[in-house]
Amino acid sequence: MIRPNMHYKELKDSYLFYNIAQKTKTYIEEHPGTKLLKMGIGDVSLPLCDAVIQALHEAVEEQASPKSFHGYMPECGAAFLRERIAKYYESRGVSVSPEEVFVSSGASDELGDILDLFACSSSALVVEPAYPAYVDANVMAGRKIVHLDSGEENGFLPEPNEEVKADLLYICSPNNPTGAVFSRKQLQAWVDFANKHGAVILFDAAYEAFIEDETLPHSIFELDGARTCAIEICSLSKTAGFTGTRLGYTIVPKELERNGMCLHEMWVRNRTTKTNGVSYIIQKGGAAVFTEEGQKQIHENIQVYKNNAKVLMQALDKLEVWYCGGKNAPYIWMKCPNGMGSWEFFDYLLHEIQVVGTPGEGFGACGEGYFRFSTFGSLEDTKEAAERLVKLLSK
């Protein structure tokens, strides 16, 4: 009899968003007609920008003609898109070759797939609170997971700990769920730590486009030594609204080697073996993101979300509630008032003011007592949610 992957039995129930959906569904059934303000989900609400839509239409028309039809795409990505992404990095002072850019169907997929490069005996360090998939993907592979807690005392931006050893280091900046962003000095410490111990950083940069403070690094490759210890995984989901069309990219430097193996060459072999690439139509739309007009338009959309963040931050400032994130990220991570637990606060907001957020406990044990608000809704709903929150917590 075939033996399944028994590590799946070690997975904890993925109850976070299921529980949120169930609690919300029950409330709506019991209170029909009630207007719920959903500030929890990390999905965008604005449509794809005009430059992208035009490129998608053009690509569809090209597929209708024998002369311009495109079949299988290069597994690692179309040259036209890889070159534009490399130039985008160059515009930020980072040297990346088109061959080091790997086009993907999104950061979430890539964060799991990239683990093929590393032995199952390698250990993974997860800075918590964290995106739950970091943990689950490694549990499925049978890896030892090292949890590094963070908290208010360090602004949810922990330093490397010499007592904690791991082979893979997950770093997300700007962070999901906390919205906290590592400074150059803080991120350099992680790069130095990884090079010292022969570890590899998996740098999740899905939210880099939300950084407005230019003293903060957008890419880990802005730091000295990063090309010998890091892989950067990016997404167009929140940057350009590709949550429903799925597109991202990964940077694997050619200098990155371990045990005589070049991880760049390994990833080329992996992609040319395990994928048929991303569709031409979607890559054509993605290339439009990196045009002058595309950049202008996506940042207009991002500004809408950042204005939402300002509204929520003003409300929390008025209430004198501790929080981080918001300014350089689409998430605000607040401390639950009056010592409430995160699920207790969720129920309180749902039943008292019909506002839905995300309990911090769902992102790891040290997220208990905290709460995440997403800024991806409409400005109208965000303002109303902020007003309801201030009125409730001012009692």
Protein backbone atom coordinates (compact mmCIF):
# COMPACT_ATOMS: atom_id res chain seq x y z
CA MET A 1 0.00 0.00 0.00
CA ILE A 2 1.30 3.46 -0.87
CA ARG A 3 2.35 5.58 2.09
CA PRO A 4 1.08 9.17 2.06
CA ASN A 5 3.02 12.14 3.35
CA MET A 6 2.41 11.64 7.07
CA HIS A 7 3.61 15.15 7.88
CA TYR A 8 0.17 16.42 6.85
CA LYS A 9 -1.09 14.99 10.15
CA GLU A 10 1.14 17.52 11.93
CA LEU A 11 -0.67 20.49 10.37
CA LYS A 12 -2.85 22.51 12.67
CA ASP A 13 -6.37 23.23 11.50
CA SER A 14 -6.42 26.28 9.25
CA TYR A 15 -9.17 27.88 11.26
CA LEU A 16 -8.39 31.60 11.02
CA PHE A 17 -10.25 32.76 7.92
CA TYR A 18 -12.70 29.85 8.11
CA ASN A 19 -13.74 30.95 11.60
CA ILE A 20 -13.97 34.57 10.48
CA ALA A 21 -16.21 33.56 7.57
CA GLN A 22 -18.42 31.38 9.77
CA LYS A 23 -18.82 33.99 12.50
CA THR A 24 -19.60 36.64 9.91
CA LYS A 25 -22.09 34.38 8.09
CA THR A 26 -23.90 33.55 11.33
CA TYR A 27 -24.15 37.22 12.30
CA ILE A 28 -25.58 38.20 8.91
CA GLU A 29 -28.17 35.40 9.09
CA GLU A 30 -29.22 36.57 12.55
CA HIS A 31 -29.20 40.25 11.58
CA PRO A 32 -30.41 40.46 7.95
CA GLY A 33 -29.90 43.79 6.26
CA THR A 34 -27.07 44.84 8.55
CA LYS A 35 -24.18 46.64 6.85
CA LEU A 36 -20.93 44.90 7.75
CA LEU A 37 -17.67 46.76 7.17
CA LYS A 38 -15.04 44.17 6.26
CA MET A 39 -11.56 45.39 7.16
CA GLY A 40 -9.91 42.02 7.52
CA ILE A 41 -9.31 40.47 4.14
CA GLY A 42 -6.04 41.20 2.36
CA ASP A 43 -7.59 41.39 -1.11
CA VAL A 44 -7.59 44.51 -3.25
CA SER A 45 -10.82 46.30 -4.12
CA LEU A 46 -9.72 48.52 -7.02
CA PRO A 47 -9.64 47.10 -10.57
CA LEU A 48 -6.57 46.63 -12.71
CA CYS A 49 -5.25 49.94 -14.01
CA ASP A 50 -5.94 51.12 -17.57
CA ALA A 51 -2.41 50.43 -18.83
CA VAL A 52 -2.70 46.79 -17.76
CA ILE A 53 -6.21 46.36 -19.14
CA GLN A 54 -5.12 47.76 -22.51
CA ALA A 55 -2.13 45.38 -22.61
CA LEU A 56 -4.35 42.41 -21.72
CA HIS A 57 -6.78 43.27 -24.52
CA GLU A 58 -3.91 43.60 -26.99
CA ALA A 59 -2.56 40.23 -25.92
CA VAL A 60 -5.94 38.56 -26.35
CA GLU A 61 -6.20 39.99 -29.88
CA GLU A 62 -2.71 38.71 -30.66
CA GLN A 63 -3.81 35.22 -29.65
CA ALA A 64 -6.56 35.43 -32.28
CA SER A 65 -4.16 35.69 -35.20
CA PRO A 66 -1.81 32.96 -36.52
CA LYS A 67 0.91 35.57 -37.10
CA SER A 68 0.94 36.85 -33.52
CA PHE A 69 -0.25 33.76 -31.64
CA HIS A 70 1.88 32.62 -28.68
CA GLY A 71 1.89 29.02 -27.48
CA TYR A 72 4.14 27.75 -24.69
CA MET A 73 6.06 30.52 -22.98
CA PRO A 74 9.63 30.21 -21.61
CA GLU A 75 9.32 28.42 -18.29
CA CYS A 76 11.36 31.03 -16.43
CA GLY A 77 9.45 33.95 -17.93
CA ALA A 78 9.21 35.94 -21.15
CA ALA A 79 12.31 37.98 -21.94
CA PHE A 80 10.25 41.17 -22.36
CA LEU A 81 8.93 40.93 -18.79
CA ARG A 82 12.20 39.80 -17.17
CA GLU A 83 13.99 42.73 -18.79
CA ARG A 84 11.44 45.27 -17.55
CA ILE A 85 11.61 43.92 -14.01
CA ALA A 86 15.42 44.09 -14.09
CA LYS A 87 15.19 47.74 -15.24
CA TYR A 88 12.75 48.44 -12.41
CA TYR A 89 15.38 47.24 -9.95
CA GLU A 90 18.00 49.29 -11.74
CA SER A 91 15.84 52.41 -11.28
CA ARG A 92 16.10 51.80 -7.53
CA GLY A 93 19.88 51.41 -7.68
CA VAL A 94 19.86 47.61 -7.52
CA SER A 95 21.76 45.53 -10.08
CA VAL A 96 19.76 42.47 -11.16
CA SER A 97 20.16 40.73 -14.50
CA PRO A 98 17.09 39.60 -16.49
CA GLU A 99 18.36 36.00 -16.17
CA GLU A 100 18.10 36.30 -12.37
CA VAL A 101 14.40 37.19 -12.62
CA PHE A 102 11.98 34.24 -12.61
CA VAL A 103 8.36 34.98 -13.48
CA SER A 104 5.83 33.14 -11.32
CA SER A 105 2.10 32.77 -10.81
CA GLY A 106 2.36 34.67 -7.53
CA ALA A 107 4.36 34.96 -4.33
CA SER A 108 2.21 32.49 -2.41
CA ASP A 109 2.92 29.72 -4.92
CA GLU A 110 6.59 30.55 -5.08
CA LEU A 111 7.08 30.59 -1.31
CA GLY A 112 6.10 26.93 -1.29
CA ASP A 113 7.78 25.85 -4.52
CA ILE A 114 11.16 27.42 -3.66
CA LEU A 115 11.55 24.91 -0.82
CA ASP A 116 12.43 22.30 -3.47
CA LEU A 117 15.93 23.81 -3.45
CA PHE A 118 16.62 22.80 0.14
CA ALA A 119 16.97 19.45 1.88
CA CYS A 120 14.10 18.42 4.11
CA SER A 121 16.62 18.09 6.93
CA SER A 122 17.19 21.86 6.84
CA SER A 123 15.45 23.90 9.52
CA ALA A 124 13.32 27.01 8.95
CA LEU A 125 13.14 30.09 11.16
CA VAL A 126 9.83 31.93 11.08
CA VAL A 127 9.60 35.40 12.60
CA GLU A 128 6.17 35.58 14.21
CA PRO A 129 3.52 36.90 13.91
CA ALA A 130 3.75 35.51 10.38
CA TYR A 131 1.90 34.64 7.21
CA PRO A 132 0.62 31.12 8.12
CA ALA A 133 1.82 29.52 4.87
CA TYR A 134 5.47 29.88 5.95
CA VAL A 135 4.86 27.39 8.72
CA ASP A 136 2.49 25.05 6.88
CA ALA A 137 4.71 24.67 3.81
CA ASN A 138 7.61 23.54 5.98
CA VAL A 139 5.46 21.24 8.09
CA MET A 140 4.37 19.51 4.89
CA ALA A 141 8.01 19.00 3.96
CA GLY A 142 8.86 17.60 7.39
CA ARG A 143 11.21 20.39 8.37
CA LYS A 144 12.03 21.50 11.87
CA ILE A 145 10.56 24.96 12.46
CA VAL A 146 12.15 27.49 14.76
CA HIS A 147 9.80 30.22 15.96
CA LEU A 148 11.26 33.66 16.71
CA ASP A 149 8.74 35.77 18.57
CA SER A 150 8.51 39.53 18.23
CA GLY A 151 6.51 42.11 20.14
CA GLU A 152 5.90 45.71 21.09
CA GLU A 153 9.30 45.95 22.76
CA ASN A 154 11.05 45.73 19.39
CA GLY A 155 8.26 47.11 17.21
CA PHE A 156 7.67 43.56 15.90
CA LEU A 157 11.09 43.77 14.21
CA PRO A 158 13.35 41.30 16.04
CA GLU A 159 17.12 41.16 15.67
CA PRO A 160 18.99 37.97 14.79
CA ASN A 161 19.47 35.74 17.80
CA GLU A 162 22.79 33.88 18.00
CA GLU A 163 21.14 31.29 20.23
CA VAL A 164 18.58 30.46 17.55
CA LYS A 165 20.02 28.48 14.65
CA ALA A 166 18.23 27.74 11.38
CA ASP A 167 19.08 27.14 7.73
CA LEU A 168 16.21 29.05 6.14
CA LEU A 169 15.24 32.49 7.43
CA TYR A 170 11.82 33.88 6.54
CA ILE A 171 11.72 37.68 6.55
CA CYS A 172 8.73 39.68 5.33
CA SER A 173 9.17 43.46 5.05
CA PRO A 174 6.84 45.34 4.95
CA ASN A 175 5.39 42.66 7.15
CA ASN A 176 2.13 40.80 6.89
CA PRO A 177 0.37 40.99 9.35
CA THR A 178 2.09 43.74 11.40
CA GLY A 179 2.91 46.30 8.70
CA ALA A 180 6.31 46.84 10.33
CA VAL A 181 9.30 47.54 8.04
CA PHE A 182 12.95 46.73 8.72
CA SER A 183 15.40 49.64 8.52
CA ARG A 184 18.60 49.27 6.48
CA LYS A 185 20.59 48.71 9.65
CA GLN A 186 18.17 46.08 10.94
CA LEU A 187 18.01 44.23 7.62
CA GLN A 188 21.80 44.41 7.23
CA ALA A 189 22.09 42.60 10.55
CA TRP A 190 20.02 39.73 9.14
CA VAL A 191 22.12 39.60 5.95
CA ASP A 192 25.33 39.50 7.98
CA PHE A 193 23.86 36.80 10.23
CA ALA A 194 22.86 34.64 7.24
CA ASN A 195 26.28 34.94 5.60
CA LYS A 196 28.02 34.17 8.87
CA HIS A 197 26.02 30.97 9.44
CA GLY A 198 25.60 29.85 5.82
CA ALA A 199 21.82 30.32 6.02
CA VAL A 200 19.57 31.51 3.19
CA ILE A 201 17.06 34.32 3.62
CA LEU A 202 13.70 33.94 1.89
CA PHE A 203 12.75 37.60 1.62
CA ASP A 204 9.04 38.20 1.04
CA ALA A 205 8.79 41.64 -0.59
CA ALA A 206 5.14 41.43 -1.64
CA TYR A 207 4.38 44.88 -0.19
CA GLU A 208 7.49 46.84 -1.18
CA ALA A 209 5.50 49.25 -3.37
CA PHE A 210 3.75 50.62 -0.27
CA ILE A 211 6.98 51.99 1.22
CA GLU A 212 6.96 55.79 1.14
CA ASP A 213 9.88 56.40 3.51
CA GLU A 214 12.86 56.33 1.15
CA THR A 215 15.26 55.59 4.01
CA LEU A 216 13.72 52.11 4.16
CA PRO A 217 14.89 49.31 1.82
CA HIS A 218 12.48 48.08 -0.84
CA SER A 219 14.68 45.11 -1.75
CA ILE A 220 17.04 42.99 0.29
CA PHE A 221 19.54 43.36 -2.55
CA GLU A 222 20.06 46.96 -1.49
CA LEU A 223 22.12 45.51 1.38
CA ASP A 224 25.79 44.55 1.18
CA GLY A 225 26.29 40.80 0.93
CA ALA A 226 22.68 39.93 0.14
CA ARG A 227 23.52 38.35 -3.22
CA THR A 228 25.34 35.52 -1.44
CA CYS A 229 22.58 34.72 1.05
CA ALA A 230 19.13 35.78 -0.16
CA ILE A 231 16.27 34.99 -2.51
CA GLU A 232 13.63 37.68 -3.02
CA ILE A 233 10.01 36.76 -3.73
CA CYS A 234 7.67 39.45 -5.04
CA SER A 235 4.06 39.78 -6.12
CA LEU A 236 1.92 41.99 -8.34
CA SER A 237 -1.19 41.09 -6.32
CA LYS A 238 -1.22 44.05 -3.92
CA THR A 239 1.15 46.19 -5.98
CA ALA A 240 -0.97 46.18 -9.13
CA GLY A 241 -4.22 44.37 -8.34
CA PHE A 242 -3.27 40.97 -9.79
CA THR A 243 -4.95 38.95 -7.02
CA GLY A 244 -7.37 37.45 -9.56
CA THR A 245 -4.95 37.20 -12.48
CA ARG A 246 -1.93 35.80 -10.53
CA LEU A 247 1.54 37.08 -11.35
CA GLY A 248 4.75 37.52 -9.41
CA TYR A 249 8.49 37.13 -9.73
CA THR A 250 11.45 35.76 -7.83
CA ILE A 251 15.05 36.95 -7.82
CA VAL A 252 17.71 34.25 -7.42
CA PRO A 253 21.25 35.70 -7.68
CA LYS A 254 23.87 33.76 -9.62
CA GLU A 255 26.33 34.15 -6.73
CA LEU A 256 24.10 32.23 -4.31
CA GLU A 257 25.78 28.88 -3.67
CA ARG A 258 25.68 26.28 -0.93
CA ASN A 259 27.73 23.07 -0.74
CA GLY A 260 29.12 23.67 -4.22
CA MET A 261 25.62 23.94 -5.71
CA CYS A 262 24.47 27.08 -7.55
CA LEU A 263 20.91 27.78 -6.43
CA HIS A 264 20.27 29.89 -9.53
CA GLU A 265 21.11 26.97 -11.82
CA MET A 266 19.07 24.65 -9.62
CA TRP A 267 16.03 26.94 -9.90
CA VAL A 268 16.36 27.09 -13.68
CA ARG A 269 16.30 23.30 -13.75
CA ASN A 270 13.38 23.19 -11.33
CA ARG A 271 11.25 25.61 -13.33
CA THR A 272 12.03 24.00 -16.68
CA THR A 273 11.04 20.65 -15.18
CA LYS A 274 7.99 21.51 -13.10
CA THR A 275 6.23 24.35 -14.93
CA ASN A 276 5.16 25.41 -18.40
CA GLY A 277 5.45 29.07 -17.46
CA VAL A 278 2.88 31.82 -16.99
CA SER A 279 0.52 32.61 -19.86
CA TYR A 280 1.54 35.15 -22.49
CA ILE A 281 -1.59 37.24 -21.87
CA ILE A 282 -0.89 37.66 -18.16
CA GLN A 283 2.80 38.40 -18.71
CA LYS A 284 1.90 41.04 -21.30
CA GLY A 285 -0.35 42.67 -18.70
CA GLY A 286 2.41 42.43 -16.12
CA ALA A 287 4.91 44.12 -18.42
CA ALA A 288 2.57 47.13 -18.60
CA VAL A 289 2.94 47.58 -14.84
CA PHE A 290 6.59 48.47 -15.35
CA THR A 291 6.00 51.17 -17.96
CA GLU A 292 6.03 54.84 -16.97
CA GLU A 293 2.26 55.07 -17.33
CA GLY A 294 1.72 51.78 -15.53
CA GLN A 295 3.79 52.88 -12.55
CA LYS A 296 1.90 56.16 -12.38
CA GLN A 297 -1.47 54.41 -12.42
CA ILE A 298 -0.71 51.67 -9.91
CA HIS A 299 0.66 54.22 -7.45
CA GLU A 300 -2.54 56.22 -7.79
CA ASN A 301 -4.39 53.08 -6.67
CA ILE A 302 -1.89 52.42 -3.89
CA GLN A 303 -2.43 55.97 -2.67
CA VAL A 304 -6.14 55.20 -2.21
CA TYR A 305 -5.21 52.36 0.15
CA LYS A 306 -2.65 54.53 1.92
CA ASN A 307 -5.29 57.21 2.46
CA ASN A 308 -7.43 54.52 4.07
CA ALA A 309 -4.50 53.76 6.36
CA LYS A 310 -4.26 57.41 7.36
CA VAL A 311 -7.93 57.44 8.33
CA LEU A 312 -7.51 54.39 10.56
CA MET A 313 -4.25 55.67 12.08
CA GLN A 314 -5.89 59.01 12.94
CA ALA A 315 -8.67 57.11 14.72
CA LEU A 316 -6.22 55.00 16.72
CA ASP A 317 -4.12 58.07 17.56
CA LYS A 318 -7.26 59.76 18.87
CA LEU A 319 -8.00 56.70 21.00
CA GLU A 320 -4.35 56.52 22.15
CA VAL A 321 -4.20 52.87 21.12
CA TRP A 322 -0.78 51.34 20.37
CA TYR A 323 -0.27 50.19 16.78
CA CYS A 324 2.35 49.73 14.11
CA GLY A 325 2.20 49.61 10.31
CA GLY A 326 -0.01 51.75 8.11
CA LYS A 327 2.45 54.36 6.85
CA ASN A 328 4.56 52.03 4.70
CA ALA A 329 2.25 49.04 4.49
CA PRO A 330 -1.41 48.20 3.77
CA TYR A 331 -1.91 46.66 7.23
CA ILE A 332 -2.35 48.18 10.68
CA TRP A 333 -1.52 46.03 13.69
CA MET A 334 -3.16 47.33 16.86
CA LYS A 335 -3.14 46.28 20.48
CA CYS A 336 -6.53 45.06 21.67
CA PRO A 337 -7.92 47.46 24.29
CA ASN A 338 -8.53 46.63 27.94
CA GLY A 339 -6.50 43.44 27.82
CA MET A 340 -8.94 41.72 25.46
CA GLY A 341 -7.94 38.57 23.61
CA SER A 342 -7.84 38.85 19.83
CA TRP A 343 -10.90 36.64 19.22
CA GLU A 344 -12.73 38.38 22.06
CA PHE A 345 -12.05 41.72 20.37
CA PHE A 346 -13.18 40.29 17.03
CA ASP A 347 -16.54 39.31 18.52
CA TYR A 348 -16.81 42.66 20.30
CA LEU A 349 -16.36 44.65 17.07
CA LEU A 350 -18.64 42.35 15.08
CA HIS A 351 -21.54 42.51 17.52
CA GLU A 352 -21.19 46.10 18.71
CA ILE A 353 -20.28 48.05 15.56
CA GLN A 354 -20.38 45.45 12.74
CA VAL A 355 -16.72 45.87 11.81
CA VAL A 356 -14.72 42.79 10.79
CA GLY A 357 -10.95 42.54 11.21
CA THR A 358 -8.44 39.72 11.73
CA PRO A 359 -7.53 38.31 15.17
CA GLY A 360 -3.77 38.37 15.74
CA GLU A 361 -3.73 34.90 17.28
CA GLY A 362 -4.23 33.47 13.80
CA PHE A 363 -0.71 34.59 12.86
CA GLY A 364 1.04 32.82 15.73
CA ALA A 365 0.91 32.67 19.51
CA CYS A 366 2.64 36.03 20.00
CA GLY A 367 -0.11 37.66 17.94
CA GLU A 368 -2.56 37.05 20.77
CA GLY A 369 -3.82 40.34 22.17
CA TYR A 370 -3.40 42.12 18.83
CA PHE A 371 -5.62 42.75 15.83
CA ARG A 372 -5.01 43.39 12.10
CA PHE A 373 -6.90 45.85 9.97
CA SER A 374 -6.55 45.79 6.19
CA THR A 375 -6.69 49.07 4.26
CA PHE A 376 -7.83 47.54 0.95
CA GLY A 377 -11.47 48.60 1.23
CA SER A 378 -13.16 51.75 -0.01
CA LEU A 379 -12.44 55.14 1.56
CA GLU A 380 -16.14 55.51 2.39
CA ASP A 381 -16.27 52.23 4.32
CA THR A 382 -12.93 52.94 6.01
CA LYS A 383 -14.13 56.32 7.26
CA GLU A 384 -17.34 54.78 8.57
CA ALA A 385 -15.44 51.97 10.30
CA ALA A 386 -13.07 54.48 11.91
CA GLU A 387 -15.99 56.57 13.17
CA ARG A 388 -17.70 53.50 14.63
CA LEU A 389 -14.44 52.41 16.27
CA VAL A 390 -13.80 55.80 17.89
CA LYS A 391 -17.37 56.01 19.15
CA LEU A 392 -17.22 52.51 20.65
CA LEU A 393 -13.82 52.70 22.29
CA SER A 394 -14.36 56.22 23.62
CA LYS A 395 -17.14 55.01 25.92
